[in-house]
């Protein structure tokens, strides 16, 4: 059974391992260098009721994490948040990502958030399918704005009003 538990300081090393895997091996994130614990803490918050973060567990194993973060550092955007979901390899395509989106949506309403935004690499087709199946609409397609592994990449943005 998959469960979502609030992230604690003790979980950050596991989260960093998952995120750094995606940095090294994919375009799921356009970060290109290994991330430090300090850098992770800049956007993944602990015990923040407005921008919660959750460890995704199956039994005793951490299989991923998800979180909401500030969309832009301007008061006018306070009704919106960016969402992120990362699962360990081998756990994708099993409905866990959909459960993570549902968990974030359920946390966003009470926090006063009305729009959730997902920013994805344009070649991340599994995540794009997940967003579309979950009721998110593509609201932007930014061509040739990212670069990783020596390749120029598109970025797509999805949003959902909750």
N, C-alpha and C. Protein backbone atom coordinates (compact mmCIF):
# COMPACT_ATOMS: atom_id res chain seq x y z
N UNK A 1 0.84 -1.19 0.00
CA UNK A 1 0.00 0.00 0.00
C UNK A 1 0.88 1.25 0.00
N UNK A 2 0.57 2.17 -0.86
CA UNK A 2 1.33 3.42 -0.97
C UNK A 2 0.77 4.42 0.02
N UNK A 3 1.67 5.10 0.73
CA UNK A 3 1.24 6.14 1.66
C UNK A 3 2.10 7.39 1.46
N UNK A 4 1.51 8.52 1.83
CA UNK A 4 2.18 9.81 1.73
C UNK A 4 2.37 10.35 3.13
N UNK A 5 3.62 10.62 3.48
CA UNK A 5 3.92 11.14 4.82
C UNK A 5 4.70 12.44 4.66
N UNK A 6 4.44 13.41 5.54
CA UNK A 6 5.18 14.67 5.44
C UNK A 6 6.70 14.44 5.51
N UNK A 7 7.41 15.16 4.68
CA UNK A 7 8.87 15.07 4.65
C UNK A 7 9.45 15.66 5.93
N UNK A 8 10.47 15.00 6.46
CA UNK A 8 11.23 15.51 7.61
C UNK A 8 12.68 15.72 7.17
N UNK A 9 13.45 16.38 8.02
CA UNK A 9 14.87 16.58 7.72
C UNK A 9 15.58 15.26 7.47
N UNK A 10 15.17 14.22 8.18
CA UNK A 10 15.80 12.91 8.04
C UNK A 10 15.56 12.25 6.68
N UNK A 11 14.61 12.77 5.90
CA UNK A 11 14.29 12.20 4.60
C UNK A 11 15.07 12.84 3.46
N UNK A 12 15.74 13.94 3.72
CA UNK A 12 16.32 14.73 2.64
C UNK A 12 17.41 13.99 1.87
N UNK A 13 18.20 13.16 2.54
CA UNK A 13 19.24 12.42 1.81
C UNK A 13 18.64 11.45 0.80
N UNK A 14 17.54 10.76 1.18
CA UNK A 14 16.88 9.86 0.25
C UNK A 14 16.29 10.62 -0.93
N UNK A 15 15.69 11.77 -0.64
CA UNK A 15 15.11 12.61 -1.70
C UNK A 15 16.21 13.08 -2.64
N UNK A 16 17.31 13.50 -2.07
CA UNK A 16 18.44 13.97 -2.88
C UNK A 16 18.97 12.85 -3.78
N UNK A 17 19.03 11.63 -3.27
CA UNK A 17 19.47 10.50 -4.10
C UNK A 17 18.55 10.31 -5.30
N UNK A 18 17.23 10.39 -5.07
CA UNK A 18 16.27 10.22 -6.17
C UNK A 18 16.44 11.35 -7.18
N UNK A 19 16.52 12.59 -6.68
CA UNK A 19 16.61 13.73 -7.59
C UNK A 19 17.92 13.70 -8.38
N UNK A 20 19.01 13.38 -7.71
CA UNK A 20 20.30 13.34 -8.40
C UNK A 20 20.33 12.22 -9.44
N UNK A 21 19.60 11.14 -9.23
CA UNK A 21 19.47 10.10 -10.26
C UNK A 21 18.89 10.72 -11.53
N UNK A 22 17.82 11.49 -11.39
CA UNK A 22 17.18 12.10 -12.55
C UNK A 22 18.06 13.18 -13.19
N UNK A 23 18.84 13.87 -12.39
CA UNK A 23 19.78 14.84 -12.95
C UNK A 23 20.80 14.12 -13.84
N UNK A 24 21.34 13.03 -13.36
CA UNK A 24 22.39 12.29 -14.09
C UNK A 24 21.86 11.54 -15.31
N UNK A 25 20.62 11.07 -15.25
CA UNK A 25 20.16 10.08 -16.22
C UNK A 25 18.99 10.47 -17.10
N UNK A 26 18.46 11.66 -16.96
CA UNK A 26 17.25 11.97 -17.74
C UNK A 26 17.09 13.47 -17.95
N UNK A 27 16.07 13.78 -18.71
CA UNK A 27 15.67 15.17 -18.88
C UNK A 27 14.38 15.46 -18.10
N UNK A 28 14.06 14.61 -17.12
CA UNK A 28 12.90 14.87 -16.26
C UNK A 28 13.12 16.16 -15.47
N UNK A 29 14.36 16.49 -15.22
CA UNK A 29 14.72 17.78 -14.66
C UNK A 29 15.81 18.36 -15.56
N UNK A 30 15.81 19.66 -15.71
CA UNK A 30 16.85 20.27 -16.54
C UNK A 30 18.02 20.77 -15.71
N UNK A 31 18.01 20.47 -14.40
CA UNK A 31 19.24 20.68 -13.63
C UNK A 31 20.30 19.79 -14.27
N UNK A 32 21.52 20.28 -14.34
CA UNK A 32 22.54 19.49 -15.02
C UNK A 32 23.68 19.06 -14.11
N UNK A 33 23.81 19.66 -12.94
CA UNK A 33 24.87 19.28 -12.02
C UNK A 33 24.30 18.72 -10.74
N UNK A 34 25.07 17.86 -10.09
CA UNK A 34 24.62 17.24 -8.84
C UNK A 34 24.13 18.32 -7.87
N UNK A 35 22.99 18.07 -7.26
CA UNK A 35 22.40 19.03 -6.34
C UNK A 35 22.87 18.75 -4.92
N UNK A 36 23.09 19.82 -4.18
CA UNK A 36 23.50 19.70 -2.78
C UNK A 36 22.26 19.77 -1.88
N UNK A 37 22.44 19.39 -0.65
CA UNK A 37 21.36 19.45 0.34
C UNK A 37 20.88 20.89 0.52
N UNK A 38 21.79 21.84 0.54
CA UNK A 38 21.42 23.25 0.70
C UNK A 38 20.57 23.73 -0.47
N UNK A 39 20.94 23.33 -1.69
CA UNK A 39 20.16 23.72 -2.87
C UNK A 39 18.77 23.09 -2.83
N UNK A 40 18.67 21.85 -2.40
CA UNK A 40 17.38 21.18 -2.31
C UNK A 40 16.46 21.93 -1.34
N UNK A 41 16.99 22.37 -0.23
CA UNK A 41 16.18 23.06 0.78
C UNK A 41 15.66 24.41 0.30
N UNK A 42 16.22 24.93 -0.80
CA UNK A 42 15.75 26.21 -1.34
C UNK A 42 14.36 26.09 -1.96
N UNK A 43 13.98 24.91 -2.42
CA UNK A 43 12.67 24.78 -3.07
C UNK A 43 11.79 23.68 -2.49
N UNK A 44 12.33 22.75 -1.72
CA UNK A 44 11.53 21.72 -1.08
C UNK A 44 11.44 22.06 0.40
N UNK A 45 10.25 22.39 0.84
CA UNK A 45 10.06 22.88 2.21
C UNK A 45 9.60 21.78 3.14
N UNK A 46 9.97 21.90 4.39
CA UNK A 46 9.57 20.96 5.43
C UNK A 46 8.63 21.70 6.39
N UNK A 47 7.54 21.04 6.75
CA UNK A 47 6.56 21.59 7.70
C UNK A 47 6.02 22.94 7.23
N UNK A 48 5.77 23.07 5.96
CA UNK A 48 5.22 24.30 5.40
C UNK A 48 3.78 24.00 4.98
N UNK A 49 2.82 24.62 5.65
CA UNK A 49 1.42 24.32 5.36
C UNK A 49 0.99 24.84 3.99
N UNK A 50 1.62 25.88 3.51
CA UNK A 50 1.25 26.42 2.20
C UNK A 50 1.86 25.60 1.06
N UNK A 51 3.10 25.17 1.24
CA UNK A 51 3.81 24.40 0.22
C UNK A 51 4.30 23.09 0.83
N UNK A 52 3.39 22.13 0.99
CA UNK A 52 3.77 20.87 1.66
C UNK A 52 4.61 19.97 0.76
N UNK A 53 5.33 19.07 1.42
CA UNK A 53 6.13 18.07 0.73
C UNK A 53 5.85 16.72 1.37
N UNK A 54 5.79 15.68 0.54
CA UNK A 54 5.45 14.35 1.01
C UNK A 54 6.43 13.31 0.50
N UNK A 55 6.82 12.43 1.40
CA UNK A 55 7.58 11.25 1.02
C UNK A 55 6.56 10.20 0.59
N UNK A 56 6.84 9.50 -0.48
CA UNK A 56 5.94 8.45 -0.95
C UNK A 56 6.57 7.13 -0.54
N UNK A 57 5.83 6.36 0.26
CA UNK A 57 6.36 5.12 0.81
C UNK A 57 5.47 3.94 0.43
N UNK A 58 6.11 2.81 0.26
CA UNK A 58 5.40 1.55 0.09
C UNK A 58 6.02 0.60 1.10
N UNK A 59 5.27 0.31 2.15
CA UNK A 59 5.83 -0.47 3.26
C UNK A 59 6.94 0.33 3.90
N UNK A 60 8.11 -0.27 4.02
CA UNK A 60 9.26 0.41 4.63
C UNK A 60 10.14 1.12 3.62
N UNK A 61 9.77 1.07 2.36
CA UNK A 61 10.63 1.63 1.31
C UNK A 61 10.13 2.98 0.82
N UNK A 62 11.04 3.92 0.71
CA UNK A 62 10.76 5.20 0.06
C UNK A 62 10.81 4.97 -1.44
N UNK A 63 9.70 5.30 -2.12
CA UNK A 63 9.65 5.07 -3.57
C UNK A 63 9.55 6.37 -4.36
N UNK A 64 9.50 7.50 -3.64
CA UNK A 64 9.45 8.78 -4.32
C UNK A 64 9.09 9.90 -3.38
N UNK A 65 8.84 11.04 -3.96
CA UNK A 65 8.43 12.21 -3.18
C UNK A 65 7.68 13.16 -4.10
N UNK A 66 6.90 14.05 -3.47
CA UNK A 66 6.18 15.07 -4.23
C UNK A 66 6.06 16.30 -3.36
N UNK A 67 5.92 17.45 -4.01
CA UNK A 67 5.83 18.68 -3.23
C UNK A 67 5.24 19.82 -4.06
N UNK A 68 4.78 20.83 -3.34
CA UNK A 68 4.37 22.09 -3.95
C UNK A 68 5.41 23.14 -3.61
N UNK A 69 5.63 24.05 -4.52
CA UNK A 69 6.57 25.15 -4.26
C UNK A 69 6.00 26.44 -4.83
N UNK A 70 6.56 27.53 -4.37
CA UNK A 70 6.12 28.85 -4.83
C UNK A 70 6.32 28.96 -6.33
N UNK A 71 5.31 29.43 -7.03
CA UNK A 71 5.41 29.55 -8.48
C UNK A 71 6.35 30.69 -8.87
N UNK A 72 6.10 31.88 -8.35
CA UNK A 72 6.97 33.04 -8.58
C UNK A 72 7.03 33.84 -7.29
N UNK A 73 8.11 34.52 -7.09
CA UNK A 73 8.29 35.29 -5.86
C UNK A 73 7.69 36.68 -5.98
N UNK A 74 6.41 36.71 -6.34
CA UNK A 74 5.66 37.95 -6.39
C UNK A 74 4.30 37.68 -5.79
N UNK A 75 3.82 38.61 -4.99
CA UNK A 75 2.57 38.42 -4.28
C UNK A 75 1.40 38.13 -5.23
N UNK A 76 1.43 38.69 -6.42
CA UNK A 76 0.34 38.49 -7.37
C UNK A 76 0.14 37.02 -7.74
N UNK A 77 1.18 36.19 -7.56
CA UNK A 77 1.09 34.77 -7.92
C UNK A 77 0.81 33.87 -6.73
N UNK A 78 0.50 34.42 -5.58
CA UNK A 78 0.33 33.63 -4.36
C UNK A 78 -0.83 32.64 -4.44
N UNK A 79 -1.70 32.77 -5.40
CA UNK A 79 -2.82 31.83 -5.54
C UNK A 79 -2.42 30.58 -6.32
N UNK A 80 -1.17 30.54 -6.78
CA UNK A 80 -0.68 29.45 -7.62
C UNK A 80 0.53 28.79 -6.99
N UNK A 81 0.76 27.54 -7.36
CA UNK A 81 1.96 26.82 -6.90
C UNK A 81 2.42 25.89 -8.02
N UNK A 82 3.71 25.61 -8.00
CA UNK A 82 4.27 24.63 -8.93
C UNK A 82 4.31 23.28 -8.21
N UNK A 83 4.04 22.22 -8.95
CA UNK A 83 4.07 20.89 -8.35
C UNK A 83 5.19 20.08 -8.95
N UNK A 84 5.70 19.14 -8.16
CA UNK A 84 6.75 18.23 -8.61
C UNK A 84 6.50 16.85 -8.04
N UNK A 85 6.72 15.84 -8.86
CA UNK A 85 6.59 14.44 -8.45
C UNK A 85 7.78 13.68 -9.02
N UNK A 86 8.49 12.96 -8.17
CA UNK A 86 9.60 12.12 -8.61
C UNK A 86 9.46 10.75 -7.97
N UNK A 87 9.49 9.72 -8.80
CA UNK A 87 9.40 8.34 -8.34
C UNK A 87 10.68 7.61 -8.68
N UNK A 88 11.07 6.70 -7.82
CA UNK A 88 12.23 5.87 -8.14
C UNK A 88 11.96 5.09 -9.42
N UNK A 89 13.00 4.83 -10.20
CA UNK A 89 12.82 4.00 -11.39
C UNK A 89 12.18 2.66 -10.97
N UNK A 90 11.29 2.18 -11.80
CA UNK A 90 10.61 0.93 -11.49
C UNK A 90 9.25 1.15 -10.85
N UNK A 91 8.96 2.37 -10.44
CA UNK A 91 7.68 2.67 -9.81
C UNK A 91 6.79 3.56 -10.68
N UNK A 92 7.25 3.88 -11.86
CA UNK A 92 6.43 4.70 -12.76
C UNK A 92 5.45 3.79 -13.52
N UNK A 93 4.37 4.39 -14.00
CA UNK A 93 3.39 3.64 -14.78
C UNK A 93 2.51 2.73 -13.97
N UNK A 94 2.45 2.94 -12.65
CA UNK A 94 1.66 2.08 -11.77
C UNK A 94 0.54 2.83 -11.05
N UNK A 95 0.28 4.08 -11.47
CA UNK A 95 -0.77 4.86 -10.83
C UNK A 95 -0.31 5.67 -9.63
N UNK A 96 0.96 5.54 -9.26
CA UNK A 96 1.47 6.24 -8.08
C UNK A 96 1.58 7.74 -8.37
N UNK A 97 1.98 8.09 -9.59
CA UNK A 97 2.06 9.50 -9.96
C UNK A 97 0.70 10.17 -9.88
N UNK A 98 -0.33 9.48 -10.33
CA UNK A 98 -1.70 10.01 -10.25
C UNK A 98 -2.10 10.21 -8.79
N UNK A 99 -1.78 9.26 -7.94
CA UNK A 99 -2.07 9.39 -6.51
C UNK A 99 -1.32 10.58 -5.91
N UNK A 100 -0.09 10.80 -6.37
CA UNK A 100 0.70 11.93 -5.88
C UNK A 100 0.06 13.26 -6.30
N UNK A 101 -0.39 13.35 -7.55
CA UNK A 101 -1.07 14.57 -8.00
C UNK A 101 -2.34 14.80 -7.18
N UNK A 102 -3.11 13.75 -6.93
CA UNK A 102 -4.32 13.88 -6.12
C UNK A 102 -3.98 14.38 -4.72
N UNK A 103 -2.91 13.85 -4.14
CA UNK A 103 -2.51 14.25 -2.77
C UNK A 103 -2.13 15.72 -2.76
N UNK A 104 -1.39 16.17 -3.76
CA UNK A 104 -0.99 17.58 -3.82
C UNK A 104 -2.20 18.48 -4.05
N UNK A 105 -3.12 18.07 -4.90
CA UNK A 105 -4.34 18.86 -5.14
C UNK A 105 -5.16 18.98 -3.86
N UNK A 106 -5.27 17.88 -3.12
CA UNK A 106 -6.04 17.91 -1.87
C UNK A 106 -5.39 18.80 -0.81
N UNK A 107 -4.08 18.92 -0.85
CA UNK A 107 -3.37 19.78 0.10
C UNK A 107 -3.43 21.24 -0.33
N UNK A 108 -3.54 21.49 -1.63
CA UNK A 108 -3.48 22.85 -2.15
C UNK A 108 -4.70 23.69 -1.78
N UNK A 109 -5.88 23.12 -1.87
CA UNK A 109 -7.10 23.88 -1.58
C UNK A 109 -7.11 24.50 -0.20
N UNK A 110 -6.92 23.71 0.86
CA UNK A 110 -6.89 24.28 2.21
C UNK A 110 -5.77 25.30 2.42
N UNK A 111 -4.73 25.23 1.59
CA UNK A 111 -3.61 26.18 1.71
C UNK A 111 -3.91 27.49 0.97
N UNK A 112 -5.09 27.58 0.35
CA UNK A 112 -5.46 28.81 -0.35
C UNK A 112 -4.91 28.88 -1.77
N UNK A 113 -4.50 27.75 -2.30
CA UNK A 113 -3.98 27.70 -3.67
C UNK A 113 -5.10 27.32 -4.61
N UNK A 114 -5.14 27.95 -5.77
CA UNK A 114 -6.23 27.73 -6.71
C UNK A 114 -5.78 27.19 -8.06
N UNK A 115 -4.50 27.35 -8.38
CA UNK A 115 -3.98 26.88 -9.66
C UNK A 115 -2.66 26.14 -9.39
N UNK A 116 -2.56 24.93 -9.94
CA UNK A 116 -1.32 24.17 -9.86
C UNK A 116 -0.70 24.11 -11.24
N UNK A 117 0.62 24.23 -11.27
CA UNK A 117 1.37 24.35 -12.51
C UNK A 117 2.47 23.30 -12.53
N UNK A 118 2.58 22.61 -13.65
CA UNK A 118 3.66 21.65 -13.85
C UNK A 118 4.50 22.08 -15.04
N UNK A 119 5.80 22.17 -14.84
CA UNK A 119 6.73 22.55 -15.89
C UNK A 119 7.55 21.32 -16.24
N UNK A 120 7.50 20.90 -17.50
CA UNK A 120 8.08 19.63 -17.91
C UNK A 120 8.96 19.79 -19.15
N UNK A 121 9.93 18.93 -19.27
CA UNK A 121 10.68 18.85 -20.52
C UNK A 121 9.73 18.31 -21.58
N UNK A 122 9.77 18.87 -22.76
CA UNK A 122 8.86 18.49 -23.83
C UNK A 122 8.98 17.05 -24.28
N UNK A 123 10.10 16.38 -23.95
CA UNK A 123 10.24 14.98 -24.34
C UNK A 123 9.88 14.02 -23.21
N UNK A 124 9.37 14.54 -22.10
CA UNK A 124 8.97 13.69 -20.97
C UNK A 124 7.54 13.19 -21.19
N UNK A 125 7.39 12.33 -22.18
CA UNK A 125 6.06 11.87 -22.61
C UNK A 125 5.27 11.15 -21.52
N UNK A 126 5.89 10.32 -20.67
CA UNK A 126 5.09 9.69 -19.62
C UNK A 126 4.47 10.71 -18.66
N UNK A 127 5.23 11.74 -18.31
CA UNK A 127 4.70 12.76 -17.40
C UNK A 127 3.65 13.62 -18.10
N UNK A 128 3.86 13.90 -19.36
CA UNK A 128 2.87 14.65 -20.12
C UNK A 128 1.55 13.89 -20.16
N UNK A 129 1.62 12.57 -20.41
CA UNK A 129 0.39 11.75 -20.41
C UNK A 129 -0.28 11.78 -19.04
N UNK A 130 0.52 11.69 -17.98
CA UNK A 130 -0.03 11.74 -16.62
C UNK A 130 -0.76 13.05 -16.38
N UNK A 131 -0.15 14.14 -16.75
CA UNK A 131 -0.78 15.45 -16.54
C UNK A 131 -2.10 15.54 -17.31
N UNK A 132 -2.09 15.12 -18.54
CA UNK A 132 -3.30 15.20 -19.36
C UNK A 132 -4.40 14.29 -18.83
N UNK A 133 -4.05 13.06 -18.42
CA UNK A 133 -5.04 12.14 -17.85
C UNK A 133 -5.60 12.66 -16.52
N UNK A 134 -4.84 13.51 -15.85
CA UNK A 134 -5.24 14.03 -14.54
C UNK A 134 -5.97 15.36 -14.64
N UNK A 135 -6.31 15.78 -15.86
CA UNK A 135 -7.10 16.99 -16.03
C UNK A 135 -6.32 18.28 -16.15
N UNK A 136 -5.02 18.20 -16.34
CA UNK A 136 -4.20 19.39 -16.54
C UNK A 136 -4.23 19.76 -18.02
N UNK A 137 -4.21 21.04 -18.29
CA UNK A 137 -4.24 21.54 -19.66
C UNK A 137 -2.90 22.15 -20.02
N UNK A 138 -2.45 21.89 -21.24
CA UNK A 138 -1.21 22.52 -21.70
C UNK A 138 -1.50 23.99 -21.92
N UNK A 139 -0.72 24.85 -21.29
CA UNK A 139 -0.94 26.29 -21.42
C UNK A 139 0.25 27.00 -22.06
N UNK A 140 1.36 26.26 -22.25
CA UNK A 140 2.51 26.88 -22.90
C UNK A 140 3.41 25.80 -23.49
N UNK A 141 4.05 26.15 -24.59
CA UNK A 141 5.06 25.31 -25.21
C UNK A 141 6.21 26.24 -25.58
N UNK A 142 7.28 26.15 -24.81
CA UNK A 142 8.43 27.02 -25.00
C UNK A 142 9.48 26.25 -25.80
N UNK A 143 9.72 26.68 -27.00
CA UNK A 143 10.60 25.94 -27.90
C UNK A 143 12.07 26.33 -27.71
N UNK A 144 12.90 25.29 -27.65
CA UNK A 144 14.36 25.45 -27.63
C UNK A 144 14.87 26.29 -26.46
N UNK A 145 14.22 26.22 -25.30
CA UNK A 145 14.64 27.06 -24.17
C UNK A 145 15.55 26.35 -23.18
N UNK A 146 15.62 25.03 -23.25
CA UNK A 146 16.46 24.28 -22.32
C UNK A 146 17.59 23.58 -23.04
N UNK A 147 18.61 23.21 -22.27
CA UNK A 147 19.72 22.47 -22.85
C UNK A 147 20.26 21.50 -21.81
N UNK A 148 20.42 20.25 -22.23
CA UNK A 148 20.99 19.24 -21.36
C UNK A 148 21.54 18.12 -22.22
N UNK A 149 22.63 17.53 -21.77
CA UNK A 149 23.28 16.44 -22.49
C UNK A 149 23.64 16.86 -23.92
N UNK A 150 23.93 18.15 -24.11
CA UNK A 150 24.32 18.65 -25.42
C UNK A 150 23.16 18.78 -26.40
N UNK A 151 21.94 18.70 -25.90
CA UNK A 151 20.76 18.79 -26.76
C UNK A 151 19.92 20.00 -26.36
N UNK A 152 19.30 20.62 -27.34
CA UNK A 152 18.39 21.74 -27.12
C UNK A 152 16.99 21.14 -26.93
N UNK A 153 16.29 21.59 -25.88
CA UNK A 153 15.03 20.96 -25.48
C UNK A 153 13.90 21.98 -25.34
N UNK A 154 12.70 21.52 -25.63
CA UNK A 154 11.49 22.31 -25.39
C UNK A 154 11.05 22.11 -23.94
N UNK A 155 10.30 23.07 -23.46
CA UNK A 155 9.67 22.98 -22.15
C UNK A 155 8.17 23.21 -22.35
N UNK A 156 7.36 22.38 -21.70
CA UNK A 156 5.93 22.55 -21.76
C UNK A 156 5.39 22.82 -20.36
N UNK A 157 4.32 23.60 -20.29
CA UNK A 157 3.73 23.97 -19.01
C UNK A 157 2.28 23.52 -19.01
N UNK A 158 1.89 22.87 -17.92
CA UNK A 158 0.52 22.42 -17.72
C UNK A 158 -0.06 23.09 -16.48
N UNK A 159 -1.36 23.31 -16.48
CA UNK A 159 -1.99 23.91 -15.30
C UNK A 159 -3.35 23.29 -15.07
N UNK A 160 -3.79 23.40 -13.82
CA UNK A 160 -5.12 22.92 -13.44
C UNK A 160 -5.67 23.83 -12.37
N UNK A 161 -6.91 24.28 -12.57
CA UNK A 161 -7.58 25.05 -11.52
C UNK A 161 -8.25 24.07 -10.59
N UNK A 162 -8.03 24.27 -9.31
CA UNK A 162 -8.60 23.36 -8.33
C UNK A 162 -9.59 24.07 -7.43
